[in-house]
């Protein structure tokens, strides 16, 4: 189990602390929901967590198999729905090295599609995912 703690700072800002490491992240309400949009919103963090989880689990497997993923990146674009306000769609695009062997790519993609964060998302949340080997 990992424990995190959040403190409301005022002005719709929260500070989250990862208690094992002491690392901190700030959040703000988005501009379209009474905030200033100065920091990640909580729903932005959902998208960021999904993309970084995919990169992380792929890198764990790739390291074990001697495949280099350094320099890979992911972009996530979040779409919100109203009534109720929620994340409706996360457009995810992964950019991976051209040097990844063709016969290894499906394994990496399956690992990404089954990352713990993605598996924890509500099934109504759409997650179109593209893999580009263009780095």
Protein backbone atom coordinates (compact mmCIF):
# COMPACT_ATOMS: atom_id res chain seq x y z
CA UNK A 1 0.00 0.00 0.00
CA UNK A 2 1.17 3.52 -0.74
CA UNK A 3 -0.15 6.48 1.21
CA UNK A 4 -0.68 9.95 -0.21
CA UNK A 5 -1.99 13.06 1.49
CA UNK A 6 -3.55 16.21 0.07
CA UNK A 7 -3.97 19.61 1.67
CA UNK A 8 -6.26 22.33 0.39
CA UNK A 9 -4.22 25.54 0.01
CA UNK A 10 -7.07 27.91 -0.88
CA UNK A 11 -7.84 29.44 -4.28
CA UNK A 12 -8.84 25.94 -5.52
CA UNK A 13 -5.24 24.73 -5.16
CA UNK A 14 -4.30 21.47 -3.44
CA UNK A 15 -0.86 20.10 -2.65
CA UNK A 16 -0.48 16.32 -2.80
CA UNK A 17 2.40 14.59 -1.01
CA UNK A 18 3.61 11.08 -1.82
CA UNK A 19 4.40 10.11 1.76
CA UNK A 20 7.07 7.44 1.07
CA UNK A 21 9.24 9.83 -0.97
CA UNK A 22 8.05 13.29 0.06
CA UNK A 23 7.51 14.23 -3.61
CA UNK A 24 4.83 16.88 -4.11
CA UNK A 25 2.41 17.83 -6.85
CA UNK A 26 0.09 20.81 -6.93
CA UNK A 27 -3.36 20.89 -8.48
CA UNK A 28 -5.74 23.65 -9.50
CA UNK A 29 -9.28 23.68 -10.80
CA UNK A 30 -9.34 24.18 -14.59
CA UNK A 31 -10.36 27.49 -16.11
CA UNK A 32 -13.64 26.00 -17.35
CA UNK A 33 -14.56 24.97 -13.80
CA UNK A 34 -13.91 28.08 -11.69
CA UNK A 35 -10.13 27.71 -11.45
CA UNK A 36 -7.16 29.53 -12.90
CA UNK A 37 -5.72 26.52 -14.69
CA UNK A 38 -2.30 27.28 -13.18
CA UNK A 39 -1.46 23.63 -12.43
CA UNK A 40 -2.59 20.16 -13.39
CA UNK A 41 -6.25 19.61 -12.60
CA UNK A 42 -7.17 16.35 -10.88
CA UNK A 43 -8.61 15.07 -14.17
CA UNK A 44 -5.40 16.08 -15.98
CA UNK A 45 -3.56 13.84 -13.54
CA UNK A 46 -5.80 10.95 -14.58
CA UNK A 47 -4.64 11.37 -18.17
CA UNK A 48 -1.02 11.84 -17.14
CA UNK A 49 -1.20 8.75 -14.91
CA UNK A 50 -2.58 6.67 -17.76
CA UNK A 51 0.11 7.71 -20.24
CA UNK A 52 3.01 7.44 -17.82
CA UNK A 53 1.76 4.06 -16.56
CA UNK A 54 1.88 2.77 -20.14
CA UNK A 55 5.43 4.04 -20.63
CA UNK A 56 6.51 2.66 -17.26
CA UNK A 57 5.22 -0.89 -17.71
CA UNK A 58 6.57 -1.02 -21.26
CA UNK A 59 9.99 0.10 -20.00
CA UNK A 60 9.98 -2.57 -17.27
CA UNK A 61 9.43 -5.30 -19.86
CA UNK A 62 11.81 -3.75 -22.39
CA UNK A 63 14.60 -3.49 -19.80
CA UNK A 64 14.21 -7.19 -18.97
CA UNK A 65 14.35 -8.05 -22.68
CA UNK A 66 17.26 -5.76 -23.56
CA UNK A 67 15.18 -3.34 -25.67
CA UNK A 68 15.92 0.39 -25.31
CA UNK A 69 12.95 2.76 -24.95
CA UNK A 70 14.83 5.84 -23.73
CA UNK A 71 13.44 8.96 -25.39
CA UNK A 72 9.96 7.50 -25.82
CA UNK A 73 7.11 9.88 -25.10
CA UNK A 74 3.36 9.93 -24.75
CA UNK A 75 0.84 12.67 -25.41
CA UNK A 76 -2.59 12.56 -23.82
CA UNK A 77 -5.47 14.80 -24.79
CA UNK A 78 -8.40 14.83 -22.38
CA UNK A 79 -12.03 15.48 -23.33
CA UNK A 80 -14.57 16.28 -20.64
CA UNK A 81 -18.29 15.48 -20.61
CA UNK A 82 -21.02 17.36 -18.77
CA UNK A 83 -23.93 16.15 -16.66
CA UNK A 84 -22.24 14.60 -14.86
CA UNK A 85 -18.91 16.35 -15.31
CA UNK A 86 -16.36 13.62 -15.95
CA UNK A 87 -13.54 12.57 -18.25
CA UNK A 88 -15.18 11.20 -21.39
CA UNK A 89 -12.16 10.42 -23.55
CA UNK A 90 -8.37 10.21 -23.34
CA UNK A 91 -6.68 10.35 -26.76
CA UNK A 92 -3.31 8.66 -26.21
CA UNK A 93 -0.41 8.69 -28.66
CA UNK A 94 2.81 6.85 -27.85
CA UNK A 95 6.00 7.67 -29.73
CA UNK A 96 8.58 4.90 -29.51
CA UNK A 97 12.01 4.28 -31.05
CA UNK A 98 12.19 2.99 -34.61
CA UNK A 99 14.84 0.58 -33.33
CA UNK A 100 12.25 -1.51 -31.45
CA UNK A 101 12.23 -4.84 -33.30
CA UNK A 102 9.08 -5.39 -35.36
CA UNK A 103 8.45 -8.77 -33.75
CA UNK A 104 8.60 -7.15 -30.27
CA UNK A 105 6.17 -4.30 -30.91
CA UNK A 106 2.95 -6.28 -30.35
CA UNK A 107 4.25 -7.45 -26.97
CA UNK A 108 4.95 -3.84 -25.95
CA UNK A 109 1.55 -2.67 -27.18
CA UNK A 110 -0.27 -5.44 -25.28
CA UNK A 111 1.63 -4.48 -22.12
CA UNK A 112 0.63 -0.82 -22.55
CA UNK A 113 -3.02 -1.71 -23.15
CA UNK A 114 -3.04 -3.68 -19.90
CA UNK A 115 -1.27 -1.22 -17.63
CA UNK A 116 -2.73 -1.01 -14.10
CA UNK A 117 -4.09 2.51 -14.51
CA UNK A 118 -5.85 1.75 -17.79
CA UNK A 119 -7.35 -1.41 -16.29
CA UNK A 120 -8.67 0.73 -13.40
CA UNK A 121 -10.55 3.17 -15.66
CA UNK A 122 -14.33 3.00 -15.99
CA UNK A 123 -15.28 1.11 -19.17
CA UNK A 124 -17.33 4.10 -20.41
CA UNK A 125 -14.15 6.21 -20.59
CA UNK A 126 -12.97 6.00 -24.20
CA UNK A 127 -9.23 5.56 -24.69
CA UNK A 128 -8.23 5.52 -28.36
CA UNK A 129 -4.51 4.68 -28.45
CA UNK A 130 -2.02 5.06 -31.28
CA UNK A 131 1.51 3.65 -31.35
CA UNK A 132 4.09 5.37 -33.57
CA UNK A 133 7.61 4.02 -33.96
CA UNK A 134 9.08 7.31 -35.09
CA UNK A 135 11.73 8.29 -32.57
